[in-house]
Protein backbone atom coordinates (compact mmCIF):
# COMPACT_ATOMS: atom_id res chain seq x y z
CA UNK A 1 22.25 -26.18 -24.19
CA UNK A 2 21.74 -28.55 -27.34
CA UNK A 3 18.06 -28.92 -28.85
CA UNK A 4 19.16 -32.42 -29.87
CA UNK A 5 20.15 -33.52 -25.89
CA UNK A 6 17.14 -35.01 -24.12
CA UNK A 7 18.20 -33.07 -20.82
CA UNK A 8 17.94 -29.70 -22.46
CA UNK A 9 14.05 -30.23 -22.94
CA UNK A 10 11.28 -30.06 -20.33
CA UNK A 11 7.65 -29.62 -20.27
CA UNK A 12 6.49 -26.11 -19.77
CA UNK A 13 9.56 -24.56 -22.53
CA UNK A 14 8.41 -22.36 -25.37
CA UNK A 15 9.82 -23.94 -28.18
CA UNK A 16 9.53 -23.79 -32.15
CA UNK A 17 9.05 -27.37 -33.78
CA UNK A 18 9.28 -28.46 -37.42
CA UNK A 19 5.90 -30.72 -37.70
CA UNK A 20 6.25 -33.61 -40.01
CA UNK A 21 4.03 -32.61 -43.05
CA UNK A 22 6.34 -29.54 -42.03
CA UNK A 23 9.75 -31.23 -42.59
CA UNK A 24 10.43 -30.24 -46.42
CA UNK A 25 9.68 -26.49 -46.20
CA UNK A 26 11.18 -26.03 -42.72
CA UNK A 27 7.79 -23.87 -41.60
CA UNK A 28 8.16 -23.74 -37.77
CA UNK A 29 5.33 -24.18 -35.34
CA UNK A 30 5.56 -22.27 -31.74
CA UNK A 31 4.56 -24.03 -28.70
CA UNK A 32 4.88 -24.97 -25.18
CA UNK A 33 5.40 -28.40 -24.41
CA UNK A 34 3.06 -31.15 -22.78
CA UNK A 35 5.25 -34.10 -23.16
CA UNK A 36 8.83 -35.30 -24.35
CA UNK A 37 8.06 -38.45 -26.87
CA UNK A 38 11.44 -39.41 -27.59
CA UNK A 39 12.96 -41.77 -24.82
CA UNK A 40 16.78 -41.50 -25.97
CA UNK A 41 19.13 -39.28 -24.38
CA UNK A 42 19.74 -37.74 -27.84
CA UNK A 43 18.42 -37.36 -31.41
CA UNK A 44 20.49 -36.08 -34.46
CA UNK A 45 17.07 -34.67 -35.93
CA UNK A 46 16.14 -33.30 -32.77
CA UNK A 47 13.74 -34.27 -29.43
CA UNK A 48 10.36 -35.35 -30.46
CA UNK A 49 7.88 -33.56 -27.98
CA UNK A 50 3.85 -32.97 -28.25
CA UNK A 51 3.13 -29.37 -27.37
CA UNK A 52 -0.02 -27.96 -25.28
CA UNK A 53 -2.21 -27.99 -28.42
CA UNK A 54 -1.79 -31.78 -29.35
CA UNK A 55 0.11 -30.85 -32.22
CA UNK A 56 3.48 -33.30 -32.50
CA UNK A 57 7.03 -31.91 -33.62
CA UNK A 58 10.69 -31.65 -33.54
CA UNK A 59 12.50 -29.39 -31.61
CA UNK A 60 14.73 -27.03 -33.48
CA UNK A 61 14.84 -23.76 -31.57
CA UNK A 62 14.04 -23.30 -27.44
CA UNK A 63 13.04 -19.68 -27.32
CA UNK A 64 13.94 -17.49 -24.57
CA UNK A 65 11.81 -14.75 -23.27
CA UNK A 66 13.82 -11.92 -21.47
CA UNK A 67 10.20 -10.52 -20.34
CA UNK A 68 10.39 -7.50 -22.56
CA UNK A 69 8.03 -7.09 -25.46
């Protein structure tokens, strides 16, 4: 699963994104995808998404929970 492919991203996934203002530092923000904003099938910097809390950024990682804490 690659984060640069739109087909790998779907609403409801928990992801780490980098916000526009955090691009220099690379600080990641975790959230659940509400909408996919990138229309093209791929993007070299990651697919742009809107999280459920309204923040917008590019996907840098898909978080996979095993159900164990």
